[in-house]
N, C-alpha and C. Protein backbone atom coordinates (compact mmCIF):
# COMPACT_ATOMS: atom_id res chain seq x y z
N MET A 1 -167.17 144.15 -172.92
CA MET A 1 -166.66 144.39 -171.59
C MET A 1 -165.16 144.71 -171.61
N PHE A 2 -164.43 144.03 -172.50
CA PHE A 2 -163.00 144.32 -172.60
C PHE A 2 -162.76 145.72 -173.16
N GLN A 3 -163.67 146.17 -173.98
CA GLN A 3 -163.51 147.48 -174.60
C GLN A 3 -163.64 148.60 -173.58
N LEU A 4 -164.38 148.37 -172.51
CA LEU A 4 -164.58 149.41 -171.51
C LEU A 4 -163.26 149.86 -170.89
N SER A 5 -162.41 148.92 -170.54
CA SER A 5 -161.12 149.31 -169.95
C SER A 5 -160.24 150.03 -170.98
N ALA A 6 -160.31 149.60 -172.23
CA ALA A 6 -159.54 150.28 -173.28
C ALA A 6 -160.07 151.69 -173.50
N LEU A 7 -161.39 151.87 -173.43
CA LEU A 7 -161.97 153.20 -173.63
C LEU A 7 -161.57 154.16 -172.52
N VAL A 8 -161.30 153.64 -171.35
CA VAL A 8 -160.90 154.50 -170.23
C VAL A 8 -159.40 154.78 -170.26
N PHE A 9 -158.60 153.73 -170.43
CA PHE A 9 -157.16 153.87 -170.21
C PHE A 9 -156.36 154.29 -171.45
N VAL A 10 -156.82 153.97 -172.64
CA VAL A 10 -156.06 154.36 -173.84
C VAL A 10 -156.03 155.88 -174.02
N PRO A 11 -157.18 156.58 -173.94
CA PRO A 11 -157.09 158.04 -174.03
C PRO A 11 -156.27 158.67 -172.89
N LEU A 12 -156.36 158.09 -171.70
CA LEU A 12 -155.56 158.61 -170.59
C LEU A 12 -154.07 158.43 -170.85
N TRP A 13 -153.71 157.33 -171.46
CA TRP A 13 -152.30 157.06 -171.80
C TRP A 13 -151.78 158.13 -172.76
N PHE A 14 -152.56 158.40 -173.82
CA PHE A 14 -152.12 159.41 -174.79
C PHE A 14 -152.14 160.81 -174.19
N TYR A 15 -153.09 161.08 -173.32
CA TYR A 15 -153.14 162.37 -172.64
C TYR A 15 -151.90 162.56 -171.77
N GLN A 16 -151.51 161.50 -171.08
CA GLN A 16 -150.34 161.57 -170.22
C GLN A 16 -149.06 161.77 -171.04
N LEU A 17 -149.03 161.21 -172.24
CA LEU A 17 -147.87 161.40 -173.11
C LEU A 17 -147.85 162.79 -173.75
N GLY A 18 -148.94 163.54 -173.61
CA GLY A 18 -149.00 164.89 -174.15
C GLY A 18 -149.66 164.98 -175.50
N ASP A 19 -150.17 163.88 -176.03
CA ASP A 19 -150.84 163.88 -177.32
C ASP A 19 -152.35 164.00 -177.10
N ILE A 20 -152.78 165.21 -176.77
CA ILE A 20 -154.17 165.44 -176.38
C ILE A 20 -155.11 165.26 -177.56
N ARG A 21 -154.69 165.67 -178.73
CA ARG A 21 -155.54 165.54 -179.92
C ARG A 21 -155.82 164.07 -180.23
N GLN A 22 -154.79 163.24 -180.16
CA GLN A 22 -154.97 161.81 -180.40
C GLN A 22 -155.83 161.18 -179.29
N ALA A 23 -155.68 161.64 -178.07
CA ALA A 23 -156.50 161.12 -176.96
C ALA A 23 -157.97 161.43 -177.19
N LYS A 24 -158.27 162.63 -177.67
CA LYS A 24 -159.66 162.99 -177.95
C LYS A 24 -160.24 162.16 -179.08
N ARG A 25 -159.44 161.96 -180.13
CA ARG A 25 -159.91 161.15 -181.27
C ARG A 25 -160.20 159.72 -180.85
N LEU A 26 -159.29 159.14 -180.08
CA LEU A 26 -159.46 157.76 -179.66
C LEU A 26 -160.59 157.60 -178.65
N ALA A 27 -160.91 158.65 -177.93
CA ALA A 27 -162.04 158.58 -177.00
C ALA A 27 -163.37 158.71 -177.72
N MET A 28 -163.40 159.49 -178.78
CA MET A 28 -164.66 159.74 -179.49
C MET A 28 -165.02 158.69 -180.53
N ALA A 29 -164.05 158.02 -181.09
CA ALA A 29 -164.32 157.07 -182.17
C ALA A 29 -165.27 155.95 -181.76
N PRO A 30 -165.09 155.27 -180.62
CA PRO A 30 -166.04 154.22 -180.24
C PRO A 30 -167.45 154.77 -179.94
N VAL A 31 -167.52 155.98 -179.44
CA VAL A 31 -168.82 156.59 -179.18
C VAL A 31 -169.57 156.81 -180.49
N VAL A 32 -168.87 157.34 -181.48
CA VAL A 32 -169.48 157.57 -182.79
C VAL A 32 -169.88 156.25 -183.43
N LEU A 33 -169.03 155.24 -183.33
CA LEU A 33 -169.36 153.93 -183.89
C LEU A 33 -170.59 153.32 -183.23
N SER A 34 -170.68 153.45 -181.92
CA SER A 34 -171.85 152.91 -181.21
C SER A 34 -173.12 153.65 -181.59
N LEU A 35 -173.02 154.98 -181.71
CA LEU A 35 -174.19 155.75 -182.11
C LEU A 35 -174.64 155.39 -183.53
N LEU A 36 -173.68 155.24 -184.43
CA LEU A 36 -174.03 154.83 -185.79
C LEU A 36 -174.71 153.47 -185.79
N HIS A 37 -174.20 152.57 -184.99
CA HIS A 37 -174.75 151.22 -184.98
C HIS A 37 -176.15 151.16 -184.37
N TYR A 38 -176.33 151.77 -183.21
CA TYR A 38 -177.60 151.63 -182.50
C TYR A 38 -178.66 152.63 -182.92
N ALA A 39 -178.26 153.82 -183.32
CA ALA A 39 -179.25 154.82 -183.71
C ALA A 39 -179.81 154.55 -185.11
N TRP A 40 -178.95 154.11 -185.99
CA TRP A 40 -179.37 153.83 -187.37
C TRP A 40 -179.10 152.37 -187.71
N VAL A 41 -179.66 151.48 -186.89
CA VAL A 41 -179.41 150.05 -187.08
C VAL A 41 -179.92 149.56 -188.42
N ASP A 42 -180.97 150.17 -188.95
CA ASP A 42 -181.48 149.74 -190.25
C ASP A 42 -180.52 150.06 -191.38
N VAL A 43 -179.78 151.15 -191.24
CA VAL A 43 -178.87 151.57 -192.30
C VAL A 43 -177.46 151.00 -192.08
N PHE A 44 -176.90 151.26 -190.90
CA PHE A 44 -175.50 150.91 -190.65
C PHE A 44 -175.34 149.60 -189.89
N GLY A 45 -176.36 149.16 -189.19
CA GLY A 45 -176.22 147.99 -188.33
C GLY A 45 -175.97 146.71 -189.09
N ARG A 46 -176.54 146.56 -190.24
CA ARG A 46 -176.39 145.32 -191.01
C ARG A 46 -175.04 145.24 -191.72
N MET A 47 -174.33 146.34 -191.81
CA MET A 47 -173.04 146.34 -192.49
C MET A 47 -171.89 145.97 -191.55
N GLY A 48 -172.14 145.85 -190.28
CA GLY A 48 -171.09 145.51 -189.33
C GLY A 48 -170.20 146.67 -188.96
N VAL A 49 -170.78 147.87 -188.93
CA VAL A 49 -169.99 149.07 -188.64
C VAL A 49 -169.36 149.00 -187.25
N LEU A 50 -170.09 148.50 -186.28
CA LEU A 50 -169.56 148.46 -184.91
C LEU A 50 -168.39 147.49 -184.80
N GLY A 51 -168.54 146.31 -185.33
CA GLY A 51 -167.47 145.32 -185.24
C GLY A 51 -166.25 145.67 -186.06
N ILE A 52 -166.47 146.07 -187.30
CA ILE A 52 -165.35 146.45 -188.16
C ILE A 52 -164.68 147.72 -187.65
N GLY A 53 -165.48 148.68 -187.21
CA GLY A 53 -164.93 149.93 -186.68
C GLY A 53 -164.14 149.72 -185.41
N THR A 54 -164.62 148.84 -184.54
CA THR A 54 -163.89 148.54 -183.30
C THR A 54 -162.57 147.85 -183.61
N THR A 55 -162.57 146.98 -184.60
CA THR A 55 -161.34 146.30 -184.99
C THR A 55 -160.33 147.30 -185.55
N VAL A 56 -160.79 148.21 -186.39
CA VAL A 56 -159.90 149.24 -186.94
C VAL A 56 -159.39 150.14 -185.83
N TRP A 57 -160.25 150.51 -184.90
CA TRP A 57 -159.85 151.33 -183.75
C TRP A 57 -158.75 150.63 -182.96
N TYR A 58 -158.94 149.35 -182.70
CA TYR A 58 -157.95 148.57 -181.95
C TYR A 58 -156.62 148.51 -182.69
N LEU A 59 -156.66 148.27 -183.99
CA LEU A 59 -155.42 148.20 -184.77
C LEU A 59 -154.69 149.54 -184.81
N VAL A 60 -155.44 150.63 -184.88
CA VAL A 60 -154.83 151.97 -184.85
C VAL A 60 -154.16 152.22 -183.50
N VAL A 61 -154.84 151.85 -182.42
CA VAL A 61 -154.28 152.05 -181.08
C VAL A 61 -153.01 151.24 -180.90
N VAL A 62 -153.06 149.97 -181.27
CA VAL A 62 -151.89 149.10 -181.09
C VAL A 62 -150.71 149.57 -181.94
N SER A 63 -150.97 149.90 -183.19
CA SER A 63 -149.87 150.34 -184.05
C SER A 63 -149.30 151.68 -183.58
N THR A 64 -150.15 152.56 -183.10
CA THR A 64 -149.66 153.85 -182.59
C THR A 64 -148.81 153.65 -181.34
N LEU A 65 -149.24 152.76 -180.45
CA LEU A 65 -148.48 152.51 -179.23
C LEU A 65 -147.16 151.79 -179.53
N LEU A 66 -147.17 150.91 -180.51
CA LEU A 66 -145.94 150.18 -180.84
C LEU A 66 -144.88 151.08 -181.45
N PHE A 67 -145.29 152.03 -182.26
CA PHE A 67 -144.33 152.87 -182.97
C PHE A 67 -144.11 154.23 -182.32
N GLN A 68 -144.67 154.43 -181.13
CA GLN A 68 -144.49 155.69 -180.43
C GLN A 68 -143.24 155.61 -179.55
N LYS A 69 -142.60 156.71 -179.42
CA LYS A 69 -141.40 156.79 -178.60
C LYS A 69 -141.78 156.59 -177.13
N ALA A 70 -141.02 155.78 -176.43
CA ALA A 70 -141.29 155.52 -175.02
C ALA A 70 -140.94 156.75 -174.18
N PRO A 71 -141.73 157.01 -173.15
CA PRO A 71 -141.41 158.15 -172.28
C PRO A 71 -140.14 157.89 -171.50
N ALA A 72 -139.44 158.95 -171.16
CA ALA A 72 -138.17 158.83 -170.45
C ALA A 72 -138.34 158.72 -168.94
N VAL A 73 -139.57 158.64 -168.47
CA VAL A 73 -139.82 158.57 -167.04
C VAL A 73 -139.41 157.19 -166.53
N GLY A 74 -138.65 157.16 -165.48
CA GLY A 74 -138.26 155.91 -164.85
C GLY A 74 -137.02 155.27 -165.44
N ILE A 75 -136.41 155.88 -166.43
CA ILE A 75 -135.20 155.34 -167.02
C ILE A 75 -134.00 155.91 -166.25
N LEU A 76 -133.17 155.03 -165.78
CA LEU A 76 -132.00 155.47 -165.01
C LEU A 76 -130.86 155.78 -165.95
N GLN A 77 -130.25 156.91 -165.74
CA GLN A 77 -129.08 157.30 -166.50
C GLN A 77 -127.84 156.99 -165.68
N PRO A 78 -126.80 156.47 -166.29
CA PRO A 78 -125.58 156.21 -165.52
C PRO A 78 -124.96 157.52 -165.06
N SER A 79 -124.56 157.53 -163.83
CA SER A 79 -123.97 158.77 -163.31
C SER A 79 -122.47 158.77 -163.57
N SER A 80 -121.94 159.96 -163.77
CA SER A 80 -120.50 160.08 -164.06
C SER A 80 -119.69 160.23 -162.77
N ALA A 81 -120.35 160.52 -161.66
CA ALA A 81 -119.65 160.71 -160.40
C ALA A 81 -119.37 159.33 -159.77
N GLU A 82 -118.14 159.14 -159.31
CA GLU A 82 -117.78 157.88 -158.67
C GLU A 82 -117.94 158.06 -157.17
N PRO A 83 -118.42 157.01 -156.49
CA PRO A 83 -118.60 157.14 -155.02
C PRO A 83 -117.34 157.19 -154.25
């Protein structure tokens, strides 16, 4: 249930920052992991692909957000004009 909000808002965050390729990758990775887990449960399900893959996805998202440059929107610049 917690993953649902991340699946919606993380790709939107990267899309808003202009990194459309990363947004597409982060949106598709959980879908592929779920398909691997549920479609081929006999092959991939016993290896923990969904849990391990979700953890790796989360770590990639967090590390990318931590080391990404913050957007300049909403940052006030000191004005040189005196009132």
